[in-house]
Amino acid sequence: MLLIDCPWCGERAQNEFRYAGDAERPRPADLERAPDTGDRSPWFRQVYLRANPRGSHRELWQHVFGCRGFVVVRRDTATHEIYETFAPGEEPPGDRSRSRTGSGAGARQRPVEAADGD
């Protein structure tokens, strides 16, 4: 299980969050303005035709069992290591060096520094 550092609530378990999509792709314009004449192909591409990147990637998560706020999580999709978390619209913190890794469901998350010294 991953530990996600919510900017408002602190570090919480992954099961308190819901994946909300790719934080690197801009979302298409809202179709509510002209539902009958709006082109739905941008939303089709956004929802169904997504890349599955390997490596560092920014994702949007919602803290549904907490503050209900959104969090941008930059993590490695192959190792599940979380590099940084921050609120949407903010600049990523460059000096945050804490990282956590996971080895599957139920694995306890520890800082990398502590894991290396065992």
PDB file of N, CA and C in Angstrom:
ATOM      1  N   MET A   1       0.841  -1.172   0.000  1.00  0.00           N
ATOM      2  CA  MET A   1       0.000   0.000   0.000  1.00  0.00           C
ATOM      3  C   MET A   1       0.893   1.245   0.000  1.00  0.00           C
ATOM      4  N   LEU A   2       0.475   2.228  -0.751  1.00  0.00           N
ATOM      5  CA  LEU A   2       1.212   3.489  -0.816  1.00  0.00           C
ATOM      6  C   LEU A   2       0.795   4.413   0.319  1.00  0.00           C
ATOM      7  N   LEU A   3       1.703   5.267   0.740  1.00  0.00           N
ATOM      8  CA  LEU A   3       1.383   6.353   1.654  1.00  0.00           C
ATOM      9  C   LEU A   3       1.465   7.637   0.855  1.00  0.00           C
ATOM     10  N   ILE A   4       0.365   8.374   0.801  1.00  0.00           N
ATOM     11  CA  ILE A   4       0.303   9.611   0.029  1.00  0.00           C
ATOM     12  C   ILE A   4       0.250  10.774   0.997  1.00  0.00           C
ATOM     13  N   ASP A   5       1.134  11.739   0.797  1.00  0.00           N
ATOM     14  CA  ASP A   5       1.231  12.903   1.670  1.00  0.00           C
ATOM     15  C   ASP A   5       0.274  13.984   1.180  1.00  0.00           C
ATOM     16  N   CYS A   6      -0.895  14.082   1.821  1.00  0.00           N
ATOM     17  CA  CYS A   6      -1.877  15.105   1.469  1.00  0.00           C
ATOM     18  C   CYS A   6      -1.358  16.459   1.964  1.00  0.00           C
ATOM     19  N   PRO A   7      -1.385  17.509   1.133  1.00  0.00           N
ATOM     20  CA  PRO A   7      -0.885  18.820   1.566  1.00  0.00           C
ATOM     21  C   PRO A   7      -1.647  19.393   2.757  1.00  0.00           C
ATOM     22  N   TRP A   8      -2.889  18.938   2.990  1.00  0.00           N
ATOM     23  CA  TRP A   8      -3.715  19.483   4.070  1.00  0.00           C
ATOM     24  C   TRP A   8      -3.824  18.548   5.266  1.00  0.00           C
ATOM     25  N   CYS A   9      -3.819  17.237   5.039  1.00  0.00           N
ATOM     26  CA  CYS A   9      -4.058  16.265   6.122  1.00  0.00           C
ATOM     27  C   CYS A   9      -2.807  15.513   6.557  1.00  0.00           C
ATOM     28  N   GLY A  10      -1.746  15.604   5.787  1.00  0.00           N
ATOM     29  CA  GLY A  10      -0.540  14.843   6.105  1.00  0.00           C
ATOM     30  C   GLY A  10      -0.553  13.481   5.423  1.00  0.00           C
ATOM     31  N   GLU A  11       0.346  12.621   5.859  1.00  0.00           N
ATOM     32  CA  GLU A  11       0.530  11.320   5.229  1.00  0.00           C
ATOM     33  C   GLU A  11      -0.625  10.386   5.570  1.00  0.00           C
ATOM     34  N   ARG A  12      -1.229   9.810   4.524  1.00  0.00           N
ATOM     35  CA  ARG A  12      -2.371   8.911   4.693  1.00  0.00           C
ATOM     36  C   ARG A  12      -2.207   7.697   3.771  1.00  0.00           C
ATOM     37  N   ALA A  13      -2.942   6.628   4.084  1.00  0.00           N
ATOM     38  CA  ALA A  13      -2.905   5.400   3.294  1.00  0.00           C
ATOM     39  C   ALA A  13      -3.597   5.604   1.947  1.00  0.00           C
ATOM     40  N   GLN A  14      -3.152   4.858   0.980  1.00  0.00           N
ATOM     41  CA  GLN A  14      -3.675   4.943  -0.385  1.00  0.00           C
ATOM     42  C   GLN A  14      -5.182   4.684  -0.451  1.00  0.00           C
ATOM     43  N   ASN A  15      -5.708   3.834   0.429  1.00  0.00           N
ATOM     44  CA  ASN A  15      -7.136   3.508   0.343  1.00  0.00           C
ATOM     45  C   ASN A  15      -8.041   4.667   0.740  1.00  0.00           C
ATOM     46  N   GLU A  16      -7.478   5.787   1.226  1.00  0.00           N
ATOM     47  CA  GLU A  16      -8.268   6.993   1.480  1.00  0.00           C
ATOM     48  C   GLU A  16      -8.411   7.856   0.228  1.00  0.00           C
ATOM     49  N   PHE A  17      -7.707   7.499  -0.838  1.00  0.00           N
ATOM     50  CA  PHE A  17      -7.656   8.309  -2.054  1.00  0.00           C
ATOM     51  C   PHE A  17      -8.298   7.576  -3.223  1.00  0.00           C
ATOM     52  N   ARG A  18      -8.674   8.349  -4.246  1.00  0.00           N
ATOM     53  CA  ARG A  18      -9.176   7.809  -5.509  1.00  0.00           C
ATOM     54  C   ARG A  18      -8.351   8.414  -6.628  1.00  0.00           C
ATOM     55  N   TYR A  19      -7.887   7.562  -7.532  1.00  0.00           N
ATOM     56  CA  TYR A  19      -7.145   8.038  -8.696  1.00  0.00           C
ATOM     57  C   TYR A  19      -8.083   8.873  -9.555  1.00  0.00           C
ATOM     58  N   ALA A  20      -7.639  10.069  -9.946  1.00  0.00           N
ATOM     59  CA  ALA A  20      -8.507  10.981 -10.693  1.00  0.00           C
ATOM     60  C   ALA A  20      -7.973  11.301 -12.083  1.00  0.00           C
ATOM     61  N   GLY A  21      -6.906  10.659 -12.501  1.00  0.00           N
ATOM     62  CA  GLY A  21      -6.436  10.854 -13.863  1.00  0.00           C
ATOM     63  C   GLY A  21      -5.019  11.381 -13.974  1.00  0.00           C
ATOM     64  N   ASP A  22      -4.648  11.615 -15.201  1.00  0.00           N
ATOM     65  CA  ASP A  22      -3.325  12.100 -15.568  1.00  0.00           C
ATOM     66  C   ASP A  22      -3.234  13.593 -15.269  1.00  0.00           C
ATOM     67  N   ALA A  23      -2.270  13.991 -14.476  1.00  0.00           N
ATOM     68  CA  ALA A  23      -2.124  15.413 -14.121  1.00  0.00           C
ATOM     69  C   ALA A  23      -1.305  16.177 -15.148  1.00  0.00           C
ATOM     70  N   GLU A  24      -0.736  15.485 -16.121  1.00  0.00           N
ATOM     71  CA  GLU A  24       0.106  16.160 -17.113  1.00  0.00           C
ATOM     72  C   GLU A  24      -0.668  16.578 -18.363  1.00  0.00           C
ATOM     73  N   ARG A  25      -1.829  15.981 -18.585  1.00  0.00           N
ATOM     74  CA  ARG A  25      -2.617  16.306 -19.778  1.00  0.00           C
ATOM     75  C   ARG A  25      -3.685  17.329 -19.432  1.00  0.00           C
ATOM     76  N   PRO A  26      -3.807  18.381 -20.210  1.00  0.00           N
ATOM     77  CA  PRO A  26      -4.899  19.331 -19.959  1.00  0.00           C
ATOM     78  C   PRO A  26      -6.236  18.679 -20.312  1.00  0.00           C
ATOM     79  N   ARG A  27      -7.244  18.978 -19.543  1.00  0.00           N
ATOM     80  CA  ARG A  27      -8.561  18.412 -19.797  1.00  0.00           C
ATOM     81  C   ARG A  27      -9.259  19.207 -20.900  1.00  0.00           C
ATOM     82  N   PRO A  28     -10.082  18.531 -21.726  1.00  0.00           N
ATOM     83  CA  PRO A  28     -10.808  19.223 -22.801  1.00  0.00           C
ATOM     84  C   PRO A  28     -11.812  20.223 -22.233  1.00  0.00           C
ATOM     85  N   ALA A  29     -12.242  21.138 -23.074  1.00  0.00           N
ATOM     86  CA  ALA A  29     -13.248  22.127 -22.680  1.00  0.00           C
ATOM     87  C   ALA A  29     -14.544  21.413 -22.307  1.00  0.00           C
ATOM     88  N   ASP A  30     -15.316  22.020 -21.448  1.00  0.00           N
ATOM     89  CA  ASP A  30     -16.566  21.441 -20.959  1.00  0.00           C
ATOM     90  C   ASP A  30     -17.598  21.365 -22.081  1.00  0.00           C
ATOM     91  N   LEU A  31     -18.266  20.207 -22.212  1.00  0.00           N
ATOM     92  CA  LEU A  31     -19.275  20.016 -23.251  1.00  0.00           C
ATOM     93  C   LEU A  31     -20.645  20.521 -22.829  1.00  0.00           C
ATOM     94  N   GLU A  32     -20.814  20.912 -21.568  1.00  0.00           N
ATOM     95  CA  GLU A  32     -22.117  21.381 -21.087  1.00  0.00           C
ATOM     96  C   GLU A  32     -22.585  22.630 -21.836  1.00  0.00           C
ATOM     97  N   ARG A  33     -21.657  23.392 -22.345  1.00  0.00           N
ATOM     98  CA  ARG A  33     -22.021  24.647 -23.026  1.00  0.00           C
ATOM     99  C   ARG A  33     -22.790  24.409 -24.309  1.00  0.00           C
ATOM    100  N   ALA A  34     -22.425  23.381 -25.047  1.00  0.00           N
ATOM    101  CA  ALA A  34     -23.105  23.073 -26.306  1.00  0.00           C
ATOM    102  C   ALA A  34     -23.124  21.558 -26.486  1.00  0.00           C
ATOM    103  N   PRO A  35     -23.963  20.839 -25.717  1.00  0.00           N
ATOM    104  CA  PRO A  35     -23.919  19.373 -25.750  1.00  0.00           C
ATOM    105  C   PRO A  35     -24.283  18.770 -27.102  1.00  0.00           C
ATOM    106  N   ASP A  36     -25.157  19.428 -27.878  1.00  0.00           N
ATOM    107  CA  ASP A  36     -25.568  18.849 -29.153  1.00  0.00           C
ATOM    108  C   ASP A  36     -24.591  19.153 -30.284  1.00  0.00           C
ATOM    109  N   THR A  37     -23.874  20.261 -30.173  1.00  0.00           N
ATOM    110  CA  THR A  37     -22.949  20.634 -31.240  1.00  0.00           C
ATOM    111  C   THR A  37     -21.501  20.435 -30.846  1.00  0.00           C
ATOM    112  N   GLY A  38     -21.266  20.101 -29.580  1.00  0.00           N
ATOM    113  CA  GLY A  38     -19.890  19.941 -29.110  1.00  0.00           C
ATOM    114  C   GLY A  38     -19.229  18.702 -29.686  1.00  0.00           C
ATOM    115  N   ASP A  39     -17.963  18.801 -29.946  1.00  0.00           N
ATOM    116  CA  ASP A  39     -17.184  17.686 -30.460  1.00  0.00           C
ATOM    117  C   ASP A  39     -16.749  16.824 -29.283  1.00  0.00           C
ATOM    118  N   ARG A  40     -17.220  15.593 -29.237  1.00  0.00           N
ATOM    119  CA  ARG A  40     -16.914  14.713 -28.119  1.00  0.00           C
ATOM    120  C   ARG A  40     -15.597  13.955 -28.305  1.00  0.00           C
ATOM    121  N   SER A  41     -14.965  14.054 -29.425  1.00  0.00           N
ATOM    122  CA  SER A  41     -13.735  13.301 -29.656  1.00  0.00           C
ATOM    123  C   SER A  41     -12.596  13.698 -28.704  1.00  0.00           C
ATOM    124  N   PRO A  42     -12.460  14.973 -28.279  1.00  0.00           N
ATOM    125  CA  PRO A  42     -11.410  15.261 -27.305  1.00  0.00           C
ATOM    126  C   PRO A  42     -11.621  14.520 -25.971  1.00  0.00           C
ATOM    127  N   TRP A  43     -12.877  14.407 -25.525  1.00  0.00           N
ATOM    128  CA  TRP A  43     -13.150  13.671 -24.298  1.00  0.00           C
ATOM    129  C   TRP A  43     -12.952  12.174 -24.489  1.00  0.00           C
ATOM    130  N   PHE A  44     -13.284  11.655 -25.666  1.00  0.00           N
ATOM    131  CA  PHE A  44     -13.037  10.247 -25.955  1.00  0.00           C
ATOM    132  C   PHE A  44     -11.548   9.952 -25.847  1.00  0.00           C
ATOM    133  N   ARG A  45     -10.726  10.821 -26.450  1.00  0.00           N
ATOM    134  CA  ARG A  45      -9.271  10.638 -26.378  1.00  0.00           C
ATOM    135  C   ARG A  45      -8.769  10.766 -24.941  1.00  0.00           C
ATOM    136  N   GLN A  46      -9.328  11.712 -24.164  1.00  0.00           N
ATOM    137  CA  GLN A  46      -8.904  11.925 -22.786  1.00  0.00           C
ATOM    138  C   GLN A  46      -9.200  10.700 -21.909  1.00  0.00           C
ATOM    139  N   VAL A  47     -10.374  10.113 -22.093  1.00  0.00           N
ATOM    140  CA  VAL A  47     -10.802   9.021 -21.216  1.00  0.00           C
ATOM    141  C   VAL A  47     -10.279   7.664 -21.676  1.00  0.00           C
ATOM    142  N   TYR A  48     -10.317   7.382 -22.970  1.00  0.00           N
ATOM    143  CA  TYR A  48     -10.029   6.037 -23.447  1.00  0.00           C
ATOM    144  C   TYR A  48      -8.665   5.856 -24.109  1.00  0.00           C
ATOM    145  N   LEU A  49      -8.115   6.874 -24.706  1.00  0.00           N
ATOM    146  CA  LEU A  49      -6.866   6.721 -25.452  1.00  0.00           C
ATOM    147  C   LEU A  49      -5.712   7.353 -24.671  1.00  0.00           C
ATOM    148  N   ARG A  50      -5.373   6.745 -23.555  1.00  0.00           N
ATOM    149  CA  ARG A  50      -4.327   7.280 -22.701  1.00  0.00           C
ATOM    150  C   ARG A  50      -3.060   6.457 -22.836  1.00  0.00           C
ATOM    151  N   ALA A  51      -1.949   7.109 -22.620  1.00  0.00           N
ATOM    152  CA  ALA A  51      -0.665   6.413 -22.588  1.00  0.00           C
ATOM    153  C   ALA A  51      -0.534   5.703 -21.246  1.00  0.00           C
ATOM    154  N   ASN A  52       0.255   4.675 -21.212  1.00  0.00           N
ATOM    155  CA  ASN A  52       0.553   3.965 -19.975  1.00  0.00           C
ATOM    156  C   ASN A  52       2.059   4.091 -19.742  1.00  0.00           C
ATOM    157  N   PRO A  53       2.499   5.252 -19.253  1.00  0.00           N
ATOM    158  CA  PRO A  53       3.939   5.503 -19.162  1.00  0.00           C
ATOM    159  C   PRO A  53       4.617   4.653 -18.092  1.00  0.00           C
ATOM    160  N   ARG A  54       5.862   4.342 -18.338  1.00  0.00           N
ATOM    161  CA  ARG A  54       6.685   3.646 -17.352  1.00  0.00           C
ATOM    162  C   ARG A  54       7.710   4.650 -16.852  1.00  0.00           C
ATOM    163  N   GLY A  55       7.810   4.779 -15.548  1.00  0.00           N
ATOM    164  CA  GLY A  55       8.763   5.715 -14.962  1.00  0.00           C
ATOM    165  C   GLY A  55       8.038   6.849 -14.254  1.00  0.00           C
ATOM    166  N   SER A  56       8.728   7.966 -14.095  1.00  0.00           N
ATOM    167  CA  SER A  56       8.191   9.111 -13.369  1.00  0.00           C
ATOM    168  C   SER A  56       6.999   9.709 -14.111  1.00  0.00           C
ATOM    169  N   HIS A  57       5.916   9.938 -13.359  1.00  0.00           N
ATOM    170  CA  HIS A  57       4.680  10.420 -13.969  1.00  0.00           C
ATOM    171  C   HIS A  57       3.877  11.195 -12.932  1.00  0.00           C
ATOM    172  N   ARG A  58       3.192  12.250 -13.361  1.00  0.00           N
ATOM    173  CA  ARG A  58       2.330  13.023 -12.468  1.00  0.00           C
ATOM    174  C   ARG A  58       0.897  12.548 -12.595  1.00  0.00           C
ATOM    175  N   GLU A  59       0.288  12.251 -11.433  1.00  0.00           N
ATOM    176  CA  GLU A  59      -1.086  11.774 -11.390  1.00  0.00           C
ATOM    177  C   GLU A  59      -1.898  12.679 -10.465  1.00  0.00           C
ATOM    178  N   LEU A  60      -3.196  12.722 -10.714  1.00  0.00           N
ATOM    179  CA  LEU A  60      -4.105  13.482  -9.872  1.00  0.00           C
ATOM    180  C   LEU A  60      -4.898  12.487  -9.022  1.00  0.00           C
ATOM    181  N   TRP A  61      -4.880  12.688  -7.702  1.00  0.00           N
ATOM    182  CA  TRP A  61      -5.600  11.842  -6.768  1.00  0.00           C
ATOM    183  C   TRP A  61      -6.524  12.720  -5.940  1.00  0.00           C
ATOM    184  N   GLN A  62      -7.689  12.188  -5.539  1.00  0.00           N
ATOM    185  CA  GLN A  62      -8.603  12.914  -4.663  1.00  0.00           C
ATOM    186  C   GLN A  62      -8.649  12.211  -3.308  1.00  0.00           C
ATOM    187  N   HIS A  63      -8.538  12.992  -2.241  1.00  0.00           N
ATOM    188  CA  HIS A  63      -8.584  12.461  -0.878  1.00  0.00           C
ATOM    189  C   HIS A  63     -10.050  12.304  -0.467  1.00  0.00           C
ATOM    190  N   VAL A  64     -10.699  11.250  -0.953  1.00  0.00           N
ATOM    191  CA  VAL A  64     -12.139  11.079  -0.782  1.00  0.00           C
ATOM    192  C   VAL A  64     -12.543  10.761   0.655  1.00  0.00           C
ATOM    193  N   PHE A  65     -11.703  10.095   1.434  1.00  0.00           N
ATOM    194  CA  PHE A  65     -12.026   9.779   2.823  1.00  0.00           C
ATOM    195  C   PHE A  65     -11.266  10.690   3.776  1.00  0.00           C
ATOM    196  N   GLY A  66     -11.041  11.909   3.344  1.00  0.00           N
ATOM    197  CA  GLY A  66     -10.359  12.904   4.155  1.00  0.00           C
ATOM    198  C   GLY A  66     -10.920  14.270   3.836  1.00  0.00           C
ATOM    199  N   CYS A  67     -10.061  15.169   3.412  1.00  0.00           N
ATOM    200  CA  CYS A  67     -10.460  16.554   3.148  1.00  0.00           C
ATOM    201  C   CYS A  67     -11.175  16.730   1.816  1.00  0.00           C
ATOM    202  N   ARG A  68     -11.218  15.688   0.975  1.00  0.00           N
ATOM    203  CA  ARG A  68     -11.832  15.690  -0.356  1.00  0.00           C
ATOM    204  C   ARG A  68     -11.098  16.588  -1.349  1.00  0.00           C
ATOM    205  N   GLY A  69      -9.933  17.058  -0.972  1.00  0.00           N
ATOM    206  CA  GLY A  69      -9.122  17.873  -1.871  1.00  0.00           C
ATOM    207  C   GLY A  69      -8.384  17.019  -2.891  1.00  0.00           C
ATOM    208  N   PHE A  70      -7.881  17.662  -3.920  1.00  0.00           N
ATOM    209  CA  PHE A  70      -7.098  16.990  -4.951  1.00  0.00           C
ATOM    210  C   PHE A  70      -5.615  17.175  -4.660  1.00  0.00           C
ATOM    211  N   VAL A  71      -4.836  16.153  -5.011  1.00  0.00           N
ATOM    212  CA  VAL A  71      -3.398  16.138  -4.767  1.00  0.00           C
ATOM    213  C   VAL A  71      -2.709  15.678  -6.041  1.00  0.00           C
ATOM    214  N   VAL A  72      -1.654  16.379  -6.442  1.00  0.00           N
ATOM    215  CA  VAL A  72      -0.824  15.918  -7.551  1.00  0.00           C
ATOM    216  C   VAL A  72       0.279  15.052  -6.951  1.00  0.00           C
ATOM    217  N   VAL A  73       0.406  13.830  -7.456  1.00  0.00           N
ATOM    218  CA  VAL A  73       1.402  12.878  -6.964  1.00  0.00           C
ATOM    219  C   VAL A  73       2.342  12.564  -8.112  1.00  0.00           C
ATOM    220  N   ARG A  74       3.638  12.800  -7.902  1.00  0.00           N
ATOM    221  CA  ARG A  74       4.632  12.381  -8.903  1.00  0.00           C
ATOM    222  C   ARG A  74       5.261  11.106  -8.383  1.00  0.00           C
ATOM    223  N   ARG A  75       5.028  10.014  -9.137  1.00  0.00           N
ATOM    224  CA  ARG A  75       5.533   8.715  -8.696  1.00  0.00           C
ATOM    225  C   ARG A  75       6.059   7.920  -9.872  1.00  0.00           C
ATOM    226  N   ASP A  76       6.844   6.916  -9.561  1.00  0.00           N
ATOM    227  CA  ASP A  76       7.363   6.000 -10.561  1.00  0.00           C
ATOM    228  C   ASP A  76       6.335   4.897 -10.746  1.00  0.00           C
ATOM    229  N   THR A  77       5.814   4.741 -11.955  1.00  0.00           N
ATOM    230  CA  THR A  77       4.759   3.767 -12.200  1.00  0.00           C
ATOM    231  C   THR A  77       5.271   2.330 -12.194  1.00  0.00           C
ATOM    232  N   ALA A  78       6.577   2.122 -12.291  1.00  0.00           N
ATOM    233  CA  ALA A  78       7.127   0.765 -12.264  1.00  0.00           C
ATOM    234  C   ALA A  78       7.430   0.317 -10.831  1.00  0.00           C
ATOM    235  N   THR A  79       7.971   1.204 -10.006  1.00  0.00           N
ATOM    236  CA  THR A  79       8.358   0.840  -8.637  1.00  0.00           C
ATOM    237  C   THR A  79       7.381   1.350  -7.585  1.00  0.00           C
ATOM    238  N   HIS A  80       6.474   2.242  -7.958  1.00  0.00           N
ATOM    239  CA  HIS A  80       5.500   2.876  -7.064  1.00  0.00           C
ATOM    240  C   HIS A  80       6.150   3.823  -6.061  1.00  0.00           C
ATOM    241  N   GLU A  81       7.384   4.211  -6.294  1.00  0.00           N
ATOM    242  CA  GLU A  81       8.042   5.167  -5.415  1.00  0.00           C
ATOM    243  C   GLU A  81       7.422   6.545  -5.614  1.00  0.00           C
ATOM    244  N   ILE A  82       7.037   7.188  -4.523  1.00  0.00           N
ATOM    245  CA  ILE A  82       6.457   8.526  -4.588  1.00  0.00           C
ATOM    246  C   ILE A  82       7.577   9.536  -4.386  1.00  0.00           C
ATOM    247  N   TYR A  83       7.766  10.420  -5.364  1.00  0.00           N
ATOM    248  CA  TYR A  83       8.817  11.424  -5.303  1.00  0.00           C
ATOM    249  C   TYR A  83       8.358  12.701  -4.608  1.00  0.00           C
ATOM    250  N   GLU A  84       7.119  13.138  -4.905  1.00  0.00           N
ATOM    251  CA  GLU A  84       6.624  14.373  -4.307  1.00  0.00           C
ATOM    252  C   GLU A  84       5.114  14.441  -4.454  1.00  0.00           C
ATOM    253  N   THR A  85       4.498  15.213  -3.569  1.00  0.00           N
ATOM    254  CA  THR A  85       3.070  15.503  -3.647  1.00  0.00           C
ATOM    255  C   THR A  85       2.891  16.993  -3.411  1.00  0.00           C
ATOM    256  N   PHE A  86       1.896  17.564  -4.076  1.00  0.00           N
ATOM    257  CA  PHE A  86       1.618  18.987  -3.900  1.00  0.00           C
ATOM    258  C   PHE A  86       0.211  19.281  -4.383  1.00  0.00           C
ATOM    259  N   ALA A  87      -0.305  20.437  -3.989  1.00  0.00           N
ATOM    260  CA  ALA A  87      -1.653  20.840  -4.380  1.00  0.00           C
ATOM    261  C   ALA A  87      -1.672  21.236  -5.859  1.00  0.00           C
ATOM    262  N   PRO A  88      -2.762  20.938  -6.567  1.00  0.00           N
ATOM    263  CA  PRO A  88      -2.871  21.367  -7.965  1.00  0.00           C
ATOM    264  C   PRO A  88      -2.760  22.886  -8.069  1.00  0.00           C
ATOM    265  N   GLY A  89      -2.079  23.348  -9.082  1.00  0.00           N
ATOM    266  CA  GLY A  89      -1.894  24.780  -9.288  1.00  0.00           C
ATOM    267  C   GLY A  89      -0.665  25.339  -8.588  1.00  0.00           C
ATOM    268  N   GLU A  90      -0.037  24.555  -7.727  1.00  0.00           N
ATOM    269  CA  GLU A  90       1.189  24.997  -7.064  1.00  0.00           C
ATOM    270  C   GLU A  90       2.394  24.471  -7.811  1.00  0.00           C
ATOM    271  N   GLU A  91       3.515  25.127  -7.594  1.00  0.00           N
ATOM    272  CA  GLU A  91       4.768  24.644  -8.163  1.00  0.00           C
ATOM    273  C   GLU A  91       5.224  23.417  -7.376  1.00  0.00           C
ATOM    274  N   PRO A  92       5.771  22.409  -8.046  1.00  0.00           N
ATOM    275  CA  PRO A  92       6.262  21.239  -7.322  1.00  0.00           C
ATOM    276  C   PRO A  92       7.398  21.636  -6.382  1.00  0.00           C
ATOM    277  N   PRO A  93       7.403  21.104  -5.177  1.00  0.00           N
ATOM    278  CA  PRO A  93       8.482  21.425  -4.246  1.00  0.00           C
ATOM    279  C   PRO A  93       9.783  20.776  -4.707  1.00  0.00           C
ATOM    280  N   GLY A  94      10.766  21.564  -5.011  1.00  0.00           N
ATOM    281  CA  GLY A  94      12.041  21.034  -5.495  1.00  0.00           C
ATOM    282  C   GLY A  94      12.912  20.482  -4.401  1.00  0.00           C
ATOM    283  N   ASP A  95      12.696  20.930  -3.161  1.00  0.00           N
ATOM    284  CA  ASP A  95      13.581  20.493  -2.087  1.00  0.00           C
ATOM    285  C   ASP A  95      13.012  19.345  -1.278  1.00  0.00           C
ATOM    286  N   ARG A  96      11.870  18.813  -1.625  1.00  0.00           N
ATOM    287  CA  ARG A  96      11.310  17.689  -0.879  1.00  0.00           C
ATOM    288  C   ARG A  96      12.013  16.421  -1.316  1.00  0.00           C
ATOM    289  N   SER A  97      12.787  15.851  -0.440  1.00  0.00           N
ATOM    290  CA  SER A  97      13.580  14.686  -0.807  1.00  0.00           C
ATOM    291  C   SER A  97      13.026  13.400  -0.220  1.00  0.00           C
ATOM    292  N   ARG A  98      11.930  13.458   0.535  1.00  0.00           N
ATOM    293  CA  ARG A  98      11.364  12.234   1.093  1.00  0.00           C
ATOM    294  C   ARG A  98      10.790  11.395  -0.029  1.00  0.00           C
ATOM    295  N   SER A  99      11.033  10.131   0.019  1.00  0.00           N
ATOM    296  CA  SER A  99      10.423   9.222  -0.947  1.00  0.00           C
ATOM    297  C   SER A  99      10.052   7.944  -0.235  1.00  0.00           C
ATOM    298  N   ARG A 100       9.013   7.309  -0.721  1.00  0.00           N
ATOM    299  CA  ARG A 100       8.527   6.078  -0.134  1.00  0.00           C
ATOM    300  C   ARG A 100       8.380   5.053  -1.247  1.00  0.00           C
ATOM    301  N   THR A 101       8.618   3.827  -0.926  1.00  0.00           N
ATOM    302  CA  THR A 101       8.487   2.768  -1.920  1.00  0.00           C
ATOM    303  C   THR A 101       7.487   1.743  -1.438  1.00  0.00           C
ATOM    304  N   GLY A 102       6.964   0.964  -2.368  1.00  0.00           N
ATOM    305  CA  GLY A 102       6.018  -0.089  -2.023  1.00  0.00           C
ATOM    306  C   GLY A 102       6.395  -1.378  -2.703  1.00  0.00           C
ATOM    307  N   SER A 103       6.103  -2.496  -2.044  1.00  0.00           N
ATOM    308  CA  SER A 103       6.379  -3.777  -2.662  1.00  0.00           C
ATOM    309  C   SER A 103       5.126  -4.609  -2.771  1.00  0.00           C
ATOM    310  N   GLY A 104       4.038  -3.976  -3.102  1.00  0.00           N
ATOM    311  CA  GLY A 104       2.803  -4.702  -3.292  1.00  0.00           C
ATOM    312  C   GLY A 104       1.789  -4.383  -2.218  1.00  0.00           C
ATOM    313  N   ALA A 105       0.621  -5.014  -2.331  1.00  0.00           N
ATOM    314  CA  ALA A 105      -0.473  -4.732  -1.406  1.00  0.00           C
ATOM    315  C   ALA A 105      -0.081  -5.119   0.011  1.00  0.00           C
ATOM    316  N   GLY A 106      -0.384  -4.246   0.943  1.00  0.00           N
ATOM    317  CA  GLY A 106      -0.123  -4.512   2.343  1.00  0.00           C
ATOM    318  C   GLY A 106       1.290  -4.211   2.792  1.00  0.00           C
ATOM    319  N   ALA A 107       2.171  -3.830   1.893  1.00  0.00           N
ATOM    320  CA  ALA A 107       3.550  -3.534   2.284  1.00  0.00           C
ATOM    321  C   ALA A 107       3.600  -2.233   3.069  1.00  0.00           C
ATOM    322  N   ARG A 108       4.347  -2.222   4.144  1.00  0.00           N
ATOM    323  CA  ARG A 108       4.485  -1.010   4.943  1.00  0.00           C
ATOM    324  C   ARG A 108       5.472  -0.087   4.264  1.00  0.00           C
ATOM    325  N   GLN A 109       5.114   1.184   4.205  1.00  0.00           N
ATOM    326  CA  GLN A 109       5.954   2.175   3.543  1.00  0.00           C
ATOM    327  C   GLN A 109       6.953   2.743   4.536  1.00  0.00           C
ATOM    328  N   ARG A 110       8.206   2.823   4.135  1.00  0.00           N
ATOM    329  CA  ARG A 110       9.241   3.410   4.971  1.00  0.00           C
ATOM    330  C   ARG A 110      10.061   4.347   4.114  1.00  0.00           C
ATOM    331  N   PRO A 111      10.629   5.389   4.715  1.00  0.00           N
ATOM    332  CA  PRO A 111      11.531   6.240   3.949  1.00  0.00           C
ATOM    333  C   PRO A 111      12.693   5.413   3.418  1.00  0.00           C
ATOM    334  N   VAL A 112      13.173   5.773   2.235  1.00  0.00           N
ATOM    335  CA  VAL A 112      14.258   5.027   1.600  1.00  0.00           C
ATOM    336  C   VAL A 112      15.485   4.983   2.484  1.00  0.00           C
ATOM    337  N   GLU A 113      15.794   6.073   3.193  1.00  0.00           N
ATOM    338  CA  GLU A 113      16.984   6.115   4.036  1.00  0.00           C
ATOM    339  C   GLU A 113      16.928   5.023   5.104  1.00  0.00           C
ATOM    340  N   ALA A 114      15.747   4.813   5.729  1.00  0.00           N
ATOM    341  CA  ALA A 114      15.609   3.812   6.771  1.00  0.00           C
ATOM    342  C   ALA A 114      15.683   2.398   6.192  1.00  0.00           C
ATOM    343  N   ALA A 115      15.136   2.200   4.998  1.00  0.00           N
ATOM    344  CA  ALA A 115      15.134   0.885   4.382  1.00  0.00           C
ATOM    345  C   ALA A 115      16.533   0.448   4.012  1.00  0.00           C
ATOM    346  N   ASP A 116      17.403   1.374   3.613  1.00  0.00           N
ATOM    347  CA  ASP A 116      18.760   1.032   3.209  1.00  0.00           C
ATOM    348  C   ASP A 116      19.631   0.639   4.397  1.00  0.00           C
ATOM    349  N   GLY A 117      19.325   1.156   5.583  1.00  0.00           N
ATOM    350  CA  GLY A 117      20.176   0.914   6.735  1.00  0.00           C
ATOM    351  C   GLY A 117      19.875  -0.377   7.463  1.00  0.00           C
ATOM    352  N   ASP A 118      18.849  -1.133   7.054  1.00  0.00           N
ATOM    353  CA  ASP A 118      18.474  -2.382   7.762  1.00  0.00           C
ATOM    354  C   ASP A 118      19.389  -3.508   7.462  1.00  0.00           C
TER     355      ASP A 118
END
